[in-house]
């Protein structure tokens, strides 16, 4: 693959290993993170350079990747003071891996076009393990020609990379992903609670069910750990509730009802009050704890 100049902004749980895969593939990577110590830690592991602002990171880049927290963070790193769009050269391709709203994706795309740059909204699924192992699923919104140029670079950290439609459709697809996860975890929580109460062997149950119509990633990877009260797998319910909030906002604008997702969100809110806010999403089963 041709070596590219790449800026990566946001070295959190997901961004840290994703940027690492880009560097390990031989690209010239410059990183920026609000907490400089995290960027310095990254540079002890991977070959690259340190920037002190998004603008500095993006100045000479062919591709700029962002992986930050929410809509506000996306706006700040792109259009804020010392933001990406203040320095990028014409023809730069911007790839936002943040899970955010379709509205902010479209907003940044318009701003990028004004400085002759291209934007793809590209949220990811696969969790921390997927980022570490370079096997994320990436759902993308944007121009098809831009996507084709970006795909070989994105493939450095992805096992699947699909163009879903125009800008914003990547984020809509990620919303659907999170809604599916919420529903599956609720069903799995109820199933495990019933099975445990009856004295069923959860490992054996999982081994049987995974081959049938109830099979899912959550069943195979979380059923046993849920039964064992283990909930330290990276994607905290604080973040899930942020994502569900994005879903609810979009659904309200589209006139769509999301009753199961709202039920799950209420249970997560109760679990946050009990101190489980940094536990991963499979902690949903704790809603059935006996007082």
Protein backbone atom coordinates (compact mmCIF):
# COMPACT_ATOMS: atom_id res chain seq x y z
CA UNK A 1 0.00 0.00 0.00
CA UNK A 2 1.21 3.53 -0.78
CA UNK A 3 2.38 5.34 2.33
CA UNK A 4 -0.01 8.13 3.30
CA UNK A 5 0.33 11.11 5.62
CA UNK A 6 -2.31 10.47 8.28
CA UNK A 7 -3.51 12.54 11.23
CA UNK A 8 -5.35 10.69 13.98
CA UNK A 9 -7.22 12.77 16.55
CA UNK A 10 -8.61 11.13 19.68
CA UNK A 11 -6.66 8.32 21.33
CA UNK A 12 -9.31 6.85 23.60
CA UNK A 13 -10.20 3.21 24.14
CA UNK A 14 -10.92 2.77 20.43
CA UNK A 15 -8.72 5.40 18.80
CA UNK A 16 -5.49 4.36 20.51
CA UNK A 17 -5.28 0.90 18.87
CA UNK A 18 -6.88 2.09 15.60
CA UNK A 19 -4.15 4.69 15.14
CA UNK A 20 -1.64 1.98 16.00
CA UNK A 21 -2.82 -0.23 13.14
CA UNK A 22 -2.41 2.67 10.71
CA UNK A 23 1.15 3.27 11.90
CA UNK A 24 1.97 -0.44 11.89
CA UNK A 25 0.80 -0.63 8.26
CA UNK A 26 3.61 1.76 7.35
CA UNK A 27 1.75 5.06 7.13
CA UNK A 28 3.24 8.31 8.39
CA UNK A 29 0.98 9.02 11.38
CA UNK A 30 0.77 12.17 13.49
CA UNK A 31 -1.45 11.98 16.58
CA UNK A 32 -3.28 14.47 18.76
CA UNK A 33 -5.10 13.85 22.03
CA UNK A 34 -6.49 16.34 24.54
CA UNK A 35 -4.48 14.59 27.24
CA UNK A 36 -0.94 14.85 25.87
CA UNK A 37 0.31 12.08 28.16
CA UNK A 38 -1.88 9.60 26.25
CA UNK A 39 -0.34 10.66 22.94
CA UNK A 40 3.12 10.34 24.46
CA UNK A 41 2.24 6.83 25.64
CA UNK A 42 1.11 5.95 22.11
CA UNK A 43 4.42 7.18 20.71
CA UNK A 44 6.34 4.85 23.03
CA UNK A 45 4.57 1.92 21.36
CA UNK A 46 4.20 3.08 17.75
CA UNK A 47 6.25 5.05 15.24
CA UNK A 48 4.79 8.49 14.62
CA UNK A 49 4.74 12.16 15.55
CA UNK A 50 3.01 14.33 18.15
CA UNK A 51 0.80 17.34 17.38
CA UNK A 52 -0.28 19.91 19.95
CA UNK A 53 -3.59 20.79 18.25
CA UNK A 54 -5.99 19.30 15.68
CA UNK A 55 -4.94 22.06 13.27
CA UNK A 56 -1.27 21.14 13.56
CA UNK A 57 -2.03 17.44 13.14
CA UNK A 58 -4.12 17.97 10.01
CA UNK A 59 -1.96 20.53 8.19
CA UNK A 60 -0.03 18.13 5.93
CA UNK A 61 -2.35 15.12 6.10
CA UNK A 62 -3.81 13.23 3.16
CA UNK A 63 -6.30 11.58 5.51
CA UNK A 64 -7.56 12.84 8.87
CA UNK A 65 -9.21 10.39 11.26
CA UNK A 66 -11.19 11.52 14.30
CA UNK A 67 -12.51 9.36 17.13
CA UNK A 68 -13.86 11.55 19.91
CA UNK A 69 -16.77 11.52 22.35
CA UNK A 70 -19.90 13.22 21.05
CA UNK A 71 -21.38 15.86 18.73
CA UNK A 72 -19.85 18.71 20.69
CA UNK A 73 -16.39 17.15 20.49
CA UNK A 74 -16.78 16.56 16.74
CA UNK A 75 -17.69 20.20 16.15
CA UNK A 76 -14.80 21.37 18.32
CA UNK A 77 -12.06 19.34 16.62
CA UNK A 78 -13.27 20.23 13.10
CA UNK A 79 -14.55 23.80 13.32
CA UNK A 80 -13.39 25.12 16.69
CA UNK A 81 -10.34 27.24 17.45
CA UNK A 82 -7.26 25.42 16.11
CA UNK A 83 -9.63 22.94 14.45
CA UNK A 84 -8.90 20.63 11.54
CA UNK A 85 -10.64 22.74 8.91
CA UNK A 86 -8.48 25.78 9.65
CA UNK A 87 -5.35 24.22 8.13
CA UNK A 88 -6.14 21.28 5.86
CA UNK A 89 -5.09 21.32 2.24
CA UNK A 90 -7.60 20.89 -0.61
CA UNK A 91 -8.37 17.26 -1.40
CA UNK A 92 -7.86 15.99 2.15
CA UNK A 93 -10.21 13.16 3.11
CA UNK A 94 -11.73 13.43 6.59
CA UNK A 95 -12.97 10.26 8.29
CA UNK A 96 -14.94 10.54 11.53
CA UNK A 97 -15.11 7.31 13.52
CA UNK A 98 -17.06 8.92 16.37
CA UNK A 99 -20.55 7.62 17.15
CA UNK A 100 -22.47 10.86 16.76
CA UNK A 101 -25.61 12.23 15.14
CA UNK A 102 -26.32 12.26 11.42
CA UNK A 103 -26.93 16.00 11.75
CA UNK A 104 -23.41 16.79 12.94
CA UNK A 105 -21.97 14.58 10.20
CA UNK A 106 -23.85 16.56 7.55
CA UNK A 107 -22.89 19.84 9.20
CA UNK A 108 -19.16 19.00 9.13
CA UNK A 109 -19.43 17.69 5.55
CA UNK A 110 -20.76 21.07 4.40
CA UNK A 111 -17.98 22.90 6.26
CA UNK A 112 -15.38 20.55 4.76
CA UNK A 113 -16.68 21.13 1.24
CA UNK A 114 -16.23 24.87 1.76
CA UNK A 115 -12.46 24.30 2.11
CA UNK A 116 -12.37 21.74 -0.74
CA UNK A 117 -12.09 18.69 1.51
CA UNK A 118 -14.19 15.52 1.60
CA UNK A 119 -15.90 14.01 4.65
CA UNK A 120 -17.02 10.49 5.53
CA UNK A 121 -18.97 9.63 8.65
CA UNK A 122 -17.60 6.23 9.63
CA UNK A 123 -18.72 4.95 13.06
CA UNK A 124 -17.41 1.55 14.08
CA UNK A 125 -18.67 -1.56 15.83
CA UNK A 126 -16.71 -4.34 17.47
CA UNK A 127 -15.72 -2.86 20.80
CA UNK A 128 -12.29 -2.55 22.34
CA UNK A 129 -11.35 -6.08 21.31
CA UNK A 130 -12.24 -5.32 17.70
CA UNK A 131 -10.10 -2.18 17.76
CA UNK A 132 -7.14 -3.97 19.36
CA UNK A 133 -7.34 -6.87 16.89
CA UNK A 134 -7.94 -4.66 13.85
CA UNK A 135 -11.23 -6.31 12.97
CA UNK A 136 -13.83 -3.57 13.37
CA UNK A 137 -16.97 -3.20 11.30
CA UNK A 138 -17.11 0.27 9.74
CA UNK A 139 -20.39 1.72 8.42
CA UNK A 140 -19.84 4.72 6.18
CA UNK A 141 -21.76 7.63 4.75
CA UNK A 142 -20.38 9.76 1.92
CA UNK A 143 -19.40 9.98 -1.72
CA UNK A 144 -18.63 6.66 -3.46
CA UNK A 145 -15.41 7.87 -5.12
CA UNK A 146 -14.12 9.26 -1.83
CA UNK A 147 -15.01 5.99 -0.12
CA UNK A 148 -12.99 3.99 -2.66
CA UNK A 149 -9.94 6.18 -2.01
CA UNK A 150 -10.30 5.84 1.76
CA UNK A 151 -11.16 2.13 1.96
CA UNK A 152 -7.60 0.74 1.67
CA UNK A 153 -6.55 2.94 4.60
CA UNK A 154 -9.61 2.14 6.71
CA UNK A 155 -9.00 -1.56 6.07
CA UNK A 156 -5.91 -1.30 8.29
CA UNK A 157 -8.22 -1.58 11.32
CA UNK A 158 -11.36 -3.12 9.79
CA UNK A 159 -12.64 -6.55 8.85
CA UNK A 160 -15.66 -5.04 7.08
CA UNK A 161 -16.06 -1.58 5.56
CA UNK A 162 -19.31 -0.73 3.80
CA UNK A 163 -20.66 2.41 2.15
CA UNK A 164 -24.27 2.79 3.35
CA UNK A 165 -25.25 5.90 1.36
CA UNK A 166 -24.77 9.66 1.57
CA UNK A 167 -23.21 11.47 4.53
CA UNK A 168 -25.18 10.65 7.68
CA UNK A 169 -26.11 7.12 6.69
CA UNK A 170 -23.11 5.69 8.51
CA UNK A 171 -24.46 7.19 11.73
CA UNK A 172 -28.00 5.97 11.04
CA UNK A 173 -26.62 2.45 10.56
CA UNK A 174 -24.74 2.71 13.86
CA UNK A 175 -27.99 3.74 15.56
CA UNK A 176 -29.62 0.58 14.22
CA UNK A 177 -26.65 -1.40 15.53
CA UNK A 178 -27.02 0.01 19.06
CA UNK A 179 -30.77 -0.60 19.07
CA UNK A 180 -30.17 -4.24 18.12
CA UNK A 181 -27.62 -4.64 20.91
CA UNK A 182 -30.00 -3.14 23.48
CA UNK A 183 -32.77 -5.56 22.52
CA UNK A 184 -30.50 -8.61 22.38
CA UNK A 185 -29.00 -7.87 25.80
CA UNK A 186 -32.45 -7.48 27.34
CA UNK A 187 -33.53 -10.84 25.94
CA UNK A 188 -30.25 -12.45 26.99
CA UNK A 189 -30.55 -11.02 30.51
CA UNK A 190 -34.02 -12.51 30.88
CA UNK A 191 -32.96 -15.88 29.44
CA UNK A 192 -29.93 -16.22 31.72
CA UNK A 193 -31.93 -15.19 34.77
CA UNK A 194 -34.52 -17.88 34.03
CA UNK A 195 -31.85 -20.50 33.26
CA UNK A 196 -29.81 -19.79 36.40
CA UNK A 197 -32.91 -19.90 38.60
CA UNK A 198 -33.70 -23.35 37.19
CA UNK A 199 -30.13 -24.56 37.80
CA UNK A 200 -29.20 -24.85 34.13
CA UNK A 201 -25.52 -25.02 33.13
CA UNK A 202 -25.03 -21.68 31.34
CA UNK A 203 -21.95 -22.79 29.38
CA UNK A 204 -23.79 -25.83 28.08
CA UNK A 205 -26.85 -23.73 27.30
CA UNK A 206 -24.74 -21.23 25.35
CA UNK A 207 -23.06 -24.03 23.41
CA UNK A 208 -26.46 -25.35 22.32
CA UNK A 209 -28.22 -22.06 21.59
CA UNK A 210 -25.41 -20.53 19.54
CA UNK A 211 -26.11 -23.06 16.76
CA UNK A 212 -29.80 -22.17 16.52
CA UNK A 213 -32.01 -19.18 15.78
CA UNK A 214 -31.05 -17.49 19.08
CA UNK A 215 -27.38 -17.38 18.12
CA UNK A 216 -25.65 -13.98 18.32
CA UNK A 217 -22.32 -12.36 19.10
CA UNK A 218 -23.67 -11.29 22.49
CA UNK A 219 -24.76 -14.84 23.32
CA UNK A 220 -21.40 -16.35 22.39
CA UNK A 221 -19.25 -13.68 24.02
CA UNK A 222 -21.26 -12.44 27.00
CA UNK A 223 -23.72 -15.09 28.25
CA UNK A 224 -21.19 -16.96 30.42
CA UNK A 225 -19.56 -13.79 31.76
CA UNK A 226 -22.97 -12.30 32.56
CA UNK A 227 -23.79 -15.42 34.57
CA UNK A 228 -20.43 -15.03 36.36
CA UNK A 229 -21.03 -11.35 37.24
CA UNK A 230 -18.13 -10.17 35.08
CA UNK A 231 -18.73 -6.81 33.41
CA UNK A 232 -15.35 -5.31 32.55
CA UNK A 233 -15.30 -5.46 28.76
CA UNK A 234 -14.74 -1.89 27.65
CA UNK A 235 -17.99 -0.34 26.38
CA UNK A 236 -19.49 1.31 29.44
CA UNK A 237 -23.19 1.94 29.91
CA UNK A 238 -22.40 5.66 30.17
CA UNK A 239 -21.47 5.49 26.49
CA UNK A 240 -24.37 3.25 25.58
CA UNK A 241 -26.81 5.73 27.08
CA UNK A 242 -25.16 8.50 25.06
CA UNK A 243 -25.68 6.43 21.91
CA UNK A 244 -29.27 5.60 22.78
CA UNK A 245 -29.92 9.29 23.32
CA UNK A 246 -28.80 9.91 19.74
CA UNK A 247 -31.21 7.17 18.62
CA UNK A 248 -34.11 8.73 20.54
CA UNK A 249 -33.44 12.17 19.05
CA UNK A 250 -33.38 10.75 15.52
CA UNK A 251 -36.49 8.64 16.13
CA UNK A 252 -38.45 11.63 17.42
CA UNK A 253 -37.62 13.61 14.28
CA UNK A 254 -38.63 10.67 12.09
CA UNK A 255 -41.82 9.91 14.04
CA UNK A 256 -40.63 6.43 15.02
CA UNK A 257 -41.37 4.69 18.35
CA UNK A 258 -38.57 2.83 20.19
CA UNK A 259 -40.35 1.23 23.17
CA UNK A 260 -37.88 -1.58 23.94
CA UNK A 261 -34.84 0.70 23.66
CA UNK A 262 -36.48 3.19 26.04
CA UNK A 263 -37.16 0.38 28.52
CA UNK A 264 -33.53 -0.71 28.36
CA UNK A 265 -32.34 2.88 28.73
CA UNK A 266 -34.42 3.24 31.90
CA UNK A 267 -32.81 0.09 33.33
CA UNK A 268 -29.35 1.43 32.50
CA UNK A 269 -30.22 4.70 34.24
CA UNK A 270 -31.14 2.73 37.37
CA UNK A 271 -27.88 0.78 37.15
CA UNK A 272 -25.92 4.02 36.87
CA UNK A 273 -27.47 5.15 40.15
CA UNK A 274 -26.25 1.87 41.68
CA UNK A 275 -22.67 2.65 40.62
CA UNK A 276 -22.45 0.49 37.49
CA UNK A 277 -21.93 3.41 35.09
CA UNK A 278 -18.45 2.22 34.03
CA UNK A 279 -19.47 -1.44 33.73
CA UNK A 280 -19.99 -2.72 30.18
CA UNK A 281 -23.42 -3.02 28.59
CA UNK A 282 -23.92 -6.67 29.58
CA UNK A 283 -24.38 -5.47 33.18
CA UNK A 284 -28.02 -5.07 32.14
CA UNK A 285 -28.62 -8.47 33.78
CA UNK A 286 -28.11 -6.83 37.20
CA UNK A 287 -31.61 -5.34 36.86
CA UNK A 288 -32.85 -8.73 38.14
CA UNK A 289 -30.81 -8.71 41.36
CA UNK A 290 -32.91 -9.56 44.37
CA UNK A 291 -33.00 -6.67 46.91
